């Protein structure tokens, strides 16, 4: 991994998991919005943070081992990753980050963090549709097109029925 890869990846993760959430926590307080409170919510939040973190780590390992690259766009995988969680979703890393943001909302309780998680999901979806998928189609051609036909963008239940 190069310094540029580490800086860009760290910058993205820092923005998503530190800068954005801290801003939303302050916004929640400034607006006087309600907070979810309770041991069950905090425990569920910790569970989602751990689950999302484990899934993201698994995806990163697959990008390095199978893809011979990283999840960072400046050093992307040279080979299409289709194993592990990539058998069920074309975007498990982004999904893992969303799960972690939901976990952060439940752990902290600020309503603004829930809105932030929704905003993240919308922005990532637009990024994938407008930039990432067209780029993957250019890089991997028919292999990615076939993969798109077999594996849904987000999860198995999001797959549209095929018409015959």
N, C-alpha and C. Protein backbone atom coordinates (compact mmCIF):
# COMPACT_ATOMS: atom_id res chain seq x y z
N UNK A 1 0.84 -1.17 0.00
CA UNK A 1 0.00 0.00 0.00
C UNK A 1 0.90 1.24 0.00
N UNK A 2 0.53 2.20 -0.82
CA UNK A 2 1.32 3.43 -0.90
C UNK A 2 0.81 4.45 0.11
N UNK A 3 1.59 5.48 0.31
CA UNK A 3 1.20 6.56 1.21
C UNK A 3 -0.08 7.24 0.71
N UNK A 4 -0.17 7.44 -0.60
CA UNK A 4 -1.37 8.06 -1.17
C UNK A 4 -2.63 7.24 -0.92
N UNK A 5 -2.50 5.92 -1.05
CA UNK A 5 -3.63 5.03 -0.79
C UNK A 5 -4.06 5.14 0.67
N UNK A 6 -3.09 5.11 1.57
CA UNK A 6 -3.39 5.20 3.00
C UNK A 6 -4.03 6.54 3.35
N UNK A 7 -3.51 7.62 2.79
CA UNK A 7 -4.05 8.95 3.08
C UNK A 7 -5.47 9.11 2.54
N UNK A 8 -5.70 8.67 1.31
CA UNK A 8 -7.04 8.80 0.74
C UNK A 8 -8.04 7.92 1.47
N UNK A 9 -7.67 6.67 1.74
CA UNK A 9 -8.56 5.77 2.48
C UNK A 9 -8.83 6.28 3.88
N UNK A 10 -7.77 6.72 4.57
CA UNK A 10 -7.94 7.27 5.91
C UNK A 10 -8.77 8.55 5.91
N UNK A 11 -8.58 9.36 4.89
CA UNK A 11 -9.36 10.60 4.77
C UNK A 11 -10.85 10.31 4.58
N UNK A 12 -11.16 9.33 3.73
CA UNK A 12 -12.55 8.96 3.51
C UNK A 12 -13.17 8.43 4.80
N UNK A 13 -12.48 7.50 5.44
CA UNK A 13 -13.01 6.92 6.68
C UNK A 13 -13.10 7.97 7.78
N UNK A 14 -12.13 8.86 7.86
CA UNK A 14 -12.17 9.93 8.84
C UNK A 14 -13.34 10.87 8.62
N UNK A 15 -13.60 11.19 7.36
CA UNK A 15 -14.74 12.06 7.05
C UNK A 15 -16.06 11.38 7.38
N UNK A 16 -16.19 10.12 6.97
CA UNK A 16 -17.46 9.40 7.17
C UNK A 16 -17.71 9.08 8.64
N UNK A 17 -16.66 8.67 9.37
CA UNK A 17 -16.87 8.18 10.73
C UNK A 17 -16.43 9.13 11.83
N UNK A 18 -15.83 10.27 11.48
CA UNK A 18 -15.47 11.22 12.53
C UNK A 18 -16.03 12.62 12.24
N UNK A 19 -15.63 13.22 11.14
CA UNK A 19 -16.04 14.59 10.85
C UNK A 19 -17.55 14.70 10.72
N UNK A 20 -18.15 13.84 9.88
CA UNK A 20 -19.61 13.88 9.70
C UNK A 20 -20.36 13.63 11.00
N UNK A 21 -20.06 12.55 11.72
CA UNK A 21 -20.77 12.29 12.97
C UNK A 21 -20.59 13.38 14.03
N UNK A 22 -19.38 13.90 14.18
CA UNK A 22 -19.18 14.97 15.17
C UNK A 22 -20.03 16.18 14.82
N UNK A 23 -20.05 16.53 13.54
CA UNK A 23 -20.90 17.64 13.11
C UNK A 23 -22.37 17.39 13.39
N UNK A 24 -22.82 16.16 13.15
CA UNK A 24 -24.23 15.84 13.38
C UNK A 24 -24.57 15.81 14.87
N UNK A 25 -23.63 15.39 15.70
CA UNK A 25 -23.85 15.40 17.15
C UNK A 25 -24.03 16.84 17.63
N UNK A 26 -23.19 17.74 17.13
CA UNK A 26 -23.31 19.15 17.51
C UNK A 26 -24.61 19.76 16.96
N UNK A 27 -24.97 19.38 15.73
CA UNK A 27 -26.22 19.87 15.14
C UNK A 27 -27.42 19.40 15.97
N UNK A 28 -27.41 18.15 16.35
CA UNK A 28 -28.50 17.59 17.16
C UNK A 28 -28.67 18.40 18.44
N UNK A 29 -27.54 18.70 19.10
CA UNK A 29 -27.60 19.48 20.35
C UNK A 29 -28.07 20.90 20.09
N UNK A 30 -27.56 21.52 19.03
CA UNK A 30 -27.93 22.91 18.72
C UNK A 30 -29.42 23.05 18.41
N UNK A 31 -29.98 22.04 17.75
CA UNK A 31 -31.39 22.09 17.39
C UNK A 31 -32.30 21.56 18.50
N UNK A 32 -31.69 20.97 19.51
CA UNK A 32 -32.49 20.42 20.61
C UNK A 32 -33.30 19.20 20.22
N UNK A 33 -32.80 18.46 19.23
CA UNK A 33 -33.52 17.27 18.78
C UNK A 33 -33.44 16.17 19.84
N UNK A 34 -34.41 15.28 19.83
CA UNK A 34 -34.43 14.21 20.84
C UNK A 34 -33.31 13.19 20.61
N UNK A 35 -33.06 12.44 21.66
CA UNK A 35 -32.06 11.38 21.60
C UNK A 35 -32.71 10.07 22.02
N UNK A 36 -32.30 8.99 21.37
CA UNK A 36 -32.71 7.65 21.78
C UNK A 36 -31.80 7.27 22.93
N UNK A 37 -32.37 6.77 23.99
CA UNK A 37 -31.54 6.43 25.14
C UNK A 37 -31.96 5.07 25.67
N UNK A 38 -31.02 4.35 26.18
CA UNK A 38 -31.33 3.07 26.79
C UNK A 38 -30.25 2.04 26.53
N UNK A 39 -30.18 1.12 27.46
CA UNK A 39 -29.16 0.08 27.38
C UNK A 39 -29.36 -0.82 26.16
N UNK A 40 -30.60 -1.09 25.80
CA UNK A 40 -30.85 -1.97 24.65
C UNK A 40 -30.36 -1.31 23.37
N UNK A 41 -30.66 -0.02 23.20
CA UNK A 41 -30.21 0.69 22.00
C UNK A 41 -28.69 0.74 21.96
N UNK A 42 -28.05 1.05 23.08
CA UNK A 42 -26.58 1.11 23.10
C UNK A 42 -25.96 -0.25 22.81
N UNK A 43 -26.53 -1.29 23.37
CA UNK A 43 -26.01 -2.64 23.13
C UNK A 43 -26.18 -3.03 21.66
N UNK A 44 -27.35 -2.73 21.10
CA UNK A 44 -27.58 -3.01 19.68
C UNK A 44 -26.60 -2.20 18.83
N UNK A 45 -26.34 -0.96 19.24
CA UNK A 45 -25.40 -0.12 18.52
C UNK A 45 -23.99 -0.71 18.51
N UNK A 46 -23.55 -1.18 19.65
CA UNK A 46 -22.23 -1.81 19.73
C UNK A 46 -22.19 -3.05 18.83
N UNK A 47 -23.27 -3.82 18.85
CA UNK A 47 -23.34 -5.01 18.00
C UNK A 47 -23.26 -4.67 16.52
N UNK A 48 -23.98 -3.62 16.10
CA UNK A 48 -23.94 -3.21 14.70
C UNK A 48 -22.57 -2.65 14.32
N UNK A 49 -21.97 -1.89 15.23
CA UNK A 49 -20.62 -1.39 14.96
C UNK A 49 -19.63 -2.53 14.76
N UNK A 50 -19.71 -3.54 15.62
CA UNK A 50 -18.81 -4.69 15.51
C UNK A 50 -19.09 -5.49 14.25
N UNK A 51 -20.35 -5.74 13.96
CA UNK A 51 -20.73 -6.50 12.77
C UNK A 51 -20.29 -5.78 11.50
N UNK A 52 -20.58 -4.49 11.42
CA UNK A 52 -20.17 -3.72 10.25
C UNK A 52 -18.66 -3.65 10.11
N UNK A 53 -17.96 -3.49 11.23
CA UNK A 53 -16.50 -3.45 11.19
C UNK A 53 -15.90 -4.76 10.73
N UNK A 54 -16.46 -5.87 11.21
CA UNK A 54 -15.97 -7.19 10.80
C UNK A 54 -16.21 -7.41 9.30
N UNK A 55 -17.38 -7.02 8.82
CA UNK A 55 -17.69 -7.17 7.39
C UNK A 55 -16.76 -6.31 6.55
N UNK A 56 -16.53 -5.07 6.96
CA UNK A 56 -15.62 -4.19 6.21
C UNK A 56 -14.21 -4.78 6.18
N UNK A 57 -13.75 -5.27 7.31
CA UNK A 57 -12.40 -5.87 7.36
C UNK A 57 -12.30 -7.08 6.43
N UNK A 58 -13.33 -7.92 6.42
CA UNK A 58 -13.36 -9.08 5.52
C UNK A 58 -13.26 -8.62 4.06
N UNK A 59 -14.02 -7.59 3.73
CA UNK A 59 -14.00 -7.07 2.35
C UNK A 59 -12.61 -6.53 1.99
N UNK A 60 -11.99 -5.80 2.93
CA UNK A 60 -10.66 -5.25 2.66
C UNK A 60 -9.66 -6.37 2.42
N UNK A 61 -9.73 -7.43 3.22
CA UNK A 61 -8.82 -8.56 3.06
C UNK A 61 -9.02 -9.20 1.68
N UNK A 62 -10.27 -9.36 1.26
CA UNK A 62 -10.53 -9.94 -0.06
C UNK A 62 -10.00 -9.04 -1.18
N UNK A 63 -10.11 -7.72 -1.03
CA UNK A 63 -9.59 -6.81 -2.04
C UNK A 63 -8.09 -6.97 -2.18
N UNK A 64 -7.39 -7.18 -1.07
CA UNK A 64 -5.94 -7.33 -1.12
C UNK A 64 -5.56 -8.72 -1.65
N UNK A 65 -6.14 -9.77 -1.07
CA UNK A 65 -5.75 -11.14 -1.43
C UNK A 65 -6.24 -11.56 -2.81
N UNK A 66 -7.53 -11.42 -3.06
CA UNK A 66 -8.11 -11.89 -4.32
C UNK A 66 -8.01 -10.84 -5.41
N UNK A 67 -8.27 -9.60 -5.06
CA UNK A 67 -8.29 -8.53 -6.05
C UNK A 67 -6.92 -7.94 -6.37
N UNK A 68 -5.93 -8.20 -5.51
CA UNK A 68 -4.58 -7.68 -5.68
C UNK A 68 -4.57 -6.15 -5.76
N UNK A 69 -5.33 -5.53 -4.85
CA UNK A 69 -5.40 -4.07 -4.77
C UNK A 69 -5.95 -3.69 -3.41
N UNK A 70 -6.60 -2.55 -3.35
CA UNK A 70 -7.19 -2.07 -2.09
C UNK A 70 -8.60 -1.55 -2.38
N UNK A 71 -9.38 -1.23 -1.34
CA UNK A 71 -10.69 -0.62 -1.56
C UNK A 71 -10.59 0.85 -1.96
N UNK A 72 -9.41 1.42 -1.97
CA UNK A 72 -9.22 2.84 -2.26
C UNK A 72 -9.06 3.03 -3.77
N UNK A 73 -9.80 4.00 -4.36
CA UNK A 73 -9.78 4.18 -5.82
C UNK A 73 -8.41 4.42 -6.45
N UNK A 74 -7.44 4.97 -5.71
CA UNK A 74 -6.13 5.18 -6.32
C UNK A 74 -5.33 3.90 -6.47
N UNK A 75 -5.75 2.83 -5.79
CA UNK A 75 -5.10 1.53 -5.92
C UNK A 75 -6.18 0.43 -5.91
N UNK A 76 -7.05 0.45 -6.93
CA UNK A 76 -8.17 -0.49 -6.93
C UNK A 76 -7.72 -1.92 -7.22
N UNK A 77 -8.57 -2.88 -6.93
CA UNK A 77 -8.24 -4.27 -7.25
C UNK A 77 -7.99 -4.44 -8.75
N UNK A 78 -7.01 -5.27 -9.07
CA UNK A 78 -6.72 -5.56 -10.48
C UNK A 78 -7.57 -6.73 -10.99
N UNK A 79 -8.13 -7.49 -10.05
CA UNK A 79 -8.98 -8.63 -10.40
C UNK A 79 -10.34 -8.43 -9.74
N UNK A 80 -11.39 -8.83 -10.42
CA UNK A 80 -12.76 -8.70 -9.90
C UNK A 80 -12.95 -9.63 -8.70
N UNK A 81 -13.38 -9.07 -7.59
CA UNK A 81 -13.62 -9.84 -6.37
C UNK A 81 -15.07 -10.30 -6.37
N UNK A 82 -15.25 -11.63 -6.30
CA UNK A 82 -16.61 -12.20 -6.36
C UNK A 82 -16.87 -13.23 -5.27
N UNK A 83 -15.98 -13.36 -4.31
CA UNK A 83 -16.14 -14.38 -3.28
C UNK A 83 -16.61 -13.74 -1.97
N UNK A 84 -16.82 -14.58 -0.98
CA UNK A 84 -17.24 -14.09 0.34
C UNK A 84 -18.52 -13.28 0.25
N UNK A 85 -18.56 -12.12 0.88
CA UNK A 85 -19.79 -11.32 0.85
C UNK A 85 -20.12 -10.78 -0.54
N UNK A 86 -19.14 -10.78 -1.43
CA UNK A 86 -19.36 -10.31 -2.80
C UNK A 86 -20.19 -11.30 -3.62
N UNK A 87 -20.49 -12.46 -3.05
CA UNK A 87 -21.41 -13.40 -3.70
C UNK A 87 -22.86 -12.96 -3.48
N UNK A 88 -23.10 -12.16 -2.43
CA UNK A 88 -24.46 -11.75 -2.07
C UNK A 88 -24.77 -10.31 -2.43
N UNK A 89 -23.74 -9.48 -2.53
CA UNK A 89 -23.91 -8.06 -2.81
C UNK A 89 -22.69 -7.56 -3.56
N UNK A 90 -22.89 -6.66 -4.52
CA UNK A 90 -21.75 -6.09 -5.22
C UNK A 90 -21.08 -4.99 -4.39
N UNK A 91 -21.70 -4.59 -3.29
CA UNK A 91 -21.18 -3.47 -2.50
C UNK A 91 -21.19 -3.73 -1.01
N UNK A 92 -20.64 -4.85 -0.55
CA UNK A 92 -20.72 -5.13 0.88
C UNK A 92 -19.90 -4.18 1.75
N UNK A 93 -18.84 -3.59 1.21
CA UNK A 93 -18.06 -2.66 2.03
C UNK A 93 -18.88 -1.42 2.35
N UNK A 94 -19.52 -0.84 1.34
CA UNK A 94 -20.37 0.34 1.58
C UNK A 94 -21.53 -0.01 2.51
N UNK A 95 -22.07 -1.21 2.34
CA UNK A 95 -23.15 -1.67 3.22
C UNK A 95 -22.64 -1.78 4.66
N UNK A 96 -21.42 -2.29 4.82
CA UNK A 96 -20.83 -2.41 6.16
C UNK A 96 -20.69 -1.04 6.81
N UNK A 97 -20.28 -0.04 6.05
CA UNK A 97 -20.17 1.31 6.59
C UNK A 97 -21.54 1.84 7.02
N UNK A 98 -22.57 1.55 6.23
CA UNK A 98 -23.93 1.97 6.59
C UNK A 98 -24.37 1.31 7.89
N UNK A 99 -24.10 0.02 8.02
CA UNK A 99 -24.44 -0.70 9.26
C UNK A 99 -23.72 -0.06 10.44
N UNK A 100 -22.46 0.31 10.25
CA UNK A 100 -21.71 0.96 11.32
C UNK A 100 -22.31 2.31 11.68
N UNK A 101 -22.76 3.07 10.69
CA UNK A 101 -23.38 4.36 10.98
C UNK A 101 -24.70 4.18 11.73
N UNK A 102 -25.46 3.15 11.38
CA UNK A 102 -26.67 2.86 12.15
C UNK A 102 -26.31 2.47 13.59
N UNK A 103 -25.25 1.70 13.73
CA UNK A 103 -24.77 1.33 15.06
C UNK A 103 -24.35 2.55 15.87
N UNK A 104 -23.69 3.50 15.21
CA UNK A 104 -23.28 4.72 15.89
C UNK A 104 -24.51 5.51 16.35
N UNK A 105 -25.53 5.58 15.50
CA UNK A 105 -26.78 6.24 15.89
C UNK A 105 -27.37 5.59 17.14
N UNK A 106 -27.47 4.27 17.13
CA UNK A 106 -28.07 3.59 18.29
C UNK A 106 -27.20 3.74 19.54
N UNK A 107 -25.90 3.69 19.37
CA UNK A 107 -25.00 3.83 20.53
C UNK A 107 -25.06 5.23 21.13
N UNK A 108 -24.99 6.24 20.27
CA UNK A 108 -24.98 7.64 20.74
C UNK A 108 -26.40 8.16 21.01
N UNK A 109 -27.33 7.84 20.11
CA UNK A 109 -28.72 8.23 20.31
C UNK A 109 -29.18 9.49 19.61
N UNK A 110 -28.27 10.29 19.06
CA UNK A 110 -28.68 11.53 18.41
C UNK A 110 -29.44 11.25 17.13
N UNK A 111 -30.63 11.82 17.01
CA UNK A 111 -31.48 11.63 15.83
C UNK A 111 -30.76 12.09 14.56
N UNK A 112 -29.96 13.15 14.67
CA UNK A 112 -29.23 13.65 13.50
C UNK A 112 -28.30 12.59 12.92
N UNK A 113 -27.81 11.67 13.75
CA UNK A 113 -26.95 10.59 13.24
C UNK A 113 -27.74 9.62 12.37
N UNK A 114 -29.01 9.42 12.67
CA UNK A 114 -29.85 8.59 11.81
C UNK A 114 -30.05 9.26 10.45
N UNK A 115 -30.28 10.57 10.45
CA UNK A 115 -30.39 11.30 9.19
C UNK A 115 -29.08 11.25 8.41
N UNK A 116 -27.99 11.33 9.12
CA UNK A 116 -26.67 11.24 8.49
C UNK A 116 -26.48 9.89 7.82
N UNK A 117 -26.89 8.82 8.49
CA UNK A 117 -26.78 7.47 7.90
C UNK A 117 -27.60 7.39 6.62
N UNK A 118 -28.79 7.97 6.64
CA UNK A 118 -29.62 7.99 5.43
C UNK A 118 -28.99 8.80 4.31
N UNK A 119 -28.39 9.94 4.65
CA UNK A 119 -27.70 10.78 3.68
C UNK A 119 -26.51 10.02 3.08
N UNK A 120 -25.76 9.34 3.93
CA UNK A 120 -24.63 8.52 3.46
C UNK A 120 -25.14 7.48 2.45
N UNK A 121 -26.23 6.78 2.79
CA UNK A 121 -26.75 5.74 1.91
C UNK A 121 -27.13 6.33 0.54
N UNK A 122 -27.79 7.47 0.54
CA UNK A 122 -28.18 8.11 -0.72
C UNK A 122 -26.95 8.52 -1.54
N UNK A 123 -25.98 9.15 -0.90
CA UNK A 123 -24.79 9.62 -1.60
C UNK A 123 -23.97 8.44 -2.16
N UNK A 124 -23.83 7.39 -1.38
CA UNK A 124 -23.07 6.22 -1.84
C UNK A 124 -23.80 5.55 -3.01
N UNK A 125 -25.11 5.45 -2.92
CA UNK A 125 -25.88 4.85 -4.02
C UNK A 125 -25.65 5.65 -5.31
N UNK A 126 -25.73 6.97 -5.22
CA UNK A 126 -25.52 7.81 -6.41
C UNK A 126 -24.09 7.65 -6.93
N UNK A 127 -23.11 7.58 -6.03
CA UNK A 127 -21.71 7.39 -6.41
C UNK A 127 -21.55 6.08 -7.19
N UNK A 128 -22.16 5.02 -6.67
CA UNK A 128 -22.04 3.70 -7.28
C UNK A 128 -22.67 3.70 -8.68
N UNK A 129 -23.87 4.22 -8.78
CA UNK A 129 -24.61 4.20 -10.05
C UNK A 129 -23.95 5.09 -11.09
N UNK A 130 -23.51 6.27 -10.70
CA UNK A 130 -23.01 7.25 -11.67
C UNK A 130 -21.52 7.14 -11.96
N UNK A 131 -20.75 6.62 -11.02
CA UNK A 131 -19.30 6.59 -11.23
C UNK A 131 -18.71 5.18 -11.15
N UNK A 132 -18.96 4.50 -10.03
CA UNK A 132 -18.25 3.24 -9.80
C UNK A 132 -18.64 2.13 -10.77
N UNK A 133 -19.94 1.89 -10.95
CA UNK A 133 -20.34 0.81 -11.86
C UNK A 133 -19.90 1.06 -13.30
N UNK A 134 -20.07 2.27 -13.85
CA UNK A 134 -19.55 2.49 -15.21
C UNK A 134 -18.03 2.26 -15.30
N UNK A 135 -17.29 2.64 -14.26
CA UNK A 135 -15.85 2.40 -14.25
C UNK A 135 -15.51 0.93 -14.19
N UNK A 136 -16.24 0.17 -13.39
CA UNK A 136 -16.01 -1.27 -13.31
C UNK A 136 -16.36 -1.96 -14.62
N UNK A 137 -17.41 -1.48 -15.29
CA UNK A 137 -17.76 -2.04 -16.60
C UNK A 137 -16.63 -1.79 -17.60
N UNK A 138 -16.04 -0.61 -17.56
CA UNK A 138 -14.92 -0.32 -18.47
C UNK A 138 -13.71 -1.19 -18.14
N UNK A 139 -13.41 -1.36 -16.85
CA UNK A 139 -12.22 -2.12 -16.44
C UNK A 139 -12.35 -3.61 -16.64
N UNK A 140 -13.53 -4.17 -16.29
CA UNK A 140 -13.67 -5.62 -16.29
C UNK A 140 -14.58 -6.15 -17.39
N UNK A 141 -15.25 -5.27 -18.14
CA UNK A 141 -16.04 -5.64 -19.30
C UNK A 141 -17.08 -6.72 -19.06
N UNK A 142 -17.08 -7.75 -19.92
CA UNK A 142 -18.10 -8.80 -19.85
C UNK A 142 -18.14 -9.53 -18.50
N UNK A 143 -17.00 -9.65 -17.84
CA UNK A 143 -16.97 -10.33 -16.53
C UNK A 143 -17.81 -9.56 -15.51
N UNK A 144 -17.69 -8.23 -15.52
CA UNK A 144 -18.48 -7.43 -14.57
C UNK A 144 -19.95 -7.42 -14.98
N UNK A 145 -20.21 -7.38 -16.26
CA UNK A 145 -21.59 -7.41 -16.74
C UNK A 145 -22.27 -8.71 -16.31
N UNK A 146 -21.58 -9.83 -16.42
CA UNK A 146 -22.14 -11.12 -15.99
C UNK A 146 -22.33 -11.12 -14.47
N UNK A 147 -21.38 -10.56 -13.74
CA UNK A 147 -21.47 -10.45 -12.29
C UNK A 147 -22.69 -9.61 -11.89
N UNK A 148 -22.91 -8.50 -12.60
CA UNK A 148 -24.08 -7.66 -12.34
C UNK A 148 -25.38 -8.44 -12.54
N UNK A 149 -25.38 -9.34 -13.50
CA UNK A 149 -26.57 -10.13 -13.77
C UNK A 149 -26.85 -11.18 -12.70
N UNK A 150 -25.81 -11.61 -12.00
CA UNK A 150 -25.95 -12.65 -10.97
C UNK A 150 -26.10 -12.10 -9.56
N UNK A 151 -25.46 -10.98 -9.27
CA UNK A 151 -25.40 -10.48 -7.89
C UNK A 151 -26.03 -9.09 -7.83
N UNK A 152 -26.96 -8.89 -6.91
CA UNK A 152 -27.61 -7.58 -6.82
C UNK A 152 -26.67 -6.51 -6.26
N UNK A 153 -27.03 -5.27 -6.52
CA UNK A 153 -26.22 -4.15 -6.06
C UNK A 153 -26.09 -4.14 -4.54
N UNK A 154 -27.19 -4.36 -3.84
CA UNK A 154 -27.17 -4.25 -2.37
C UNK A 154 -27.36 -5.59 -1.67
N UNK A 155 -28.44 -6.27 -1.91
CA UNK A 155 -28.67 -7.54 -1.22
C UNK A 155 -29.63 -8.39 -2.04
N UNK A 156 -29.72 -9.66 -1.66
CA UNK A 156 -30.53 -10.61 -2.43
C UNK A 156 -31.98 -10.16 -2.55
N UNK A 157 -32.55 -9.55 -1.52
CA UNK A 157 -33.96 -9.15 -1.59
C UNK A 157 -34.17 -7.95 -2.50
N UNK A 158 -33.07 -7.24 -2.89
CA UNK A 158 -33.23 -6.08 -3.75
C UNK A 158 -33.23 -6.44 -5.23
N UNK A 159 -33.06 -7.71 -5.52
CA UNK A 159 -33.01 -8.15 -6.90
C UNK A 159 -34.40 -8.08 -7.53
N UNK A 160 -34.48 -7.50 -8.71
CA UNK A 160 -35.75 -7.44 -9.42
C UNK A 160 -36.02 -8.77 -10.09
N UNK A 161 -37.29 -9.20 -10.12
CA UNK A 161 -37.58 -10.46 -10.82
C UNK A 161 -37.30 -10.32 -12.31
N UNK A 162 -36.79 -11.38 -12.88
CA UNK A 162 -36.51 -11.37 -14.32
C UNK A 162 -37.77 -11.77 -15.08
N UNK A 163 -37.98 -11.10 -16.19
CA UNK A 163 -39.12 -11.43 -17.06
C UNK A 163 -38.62 -12.38 -18.14
N UNK A 164 -39.40 -13.41 -18.42
CA UNK A 164 -38.99 -14.37 -19.45
C UNK A 164 -39.77 -14.17 -20.71
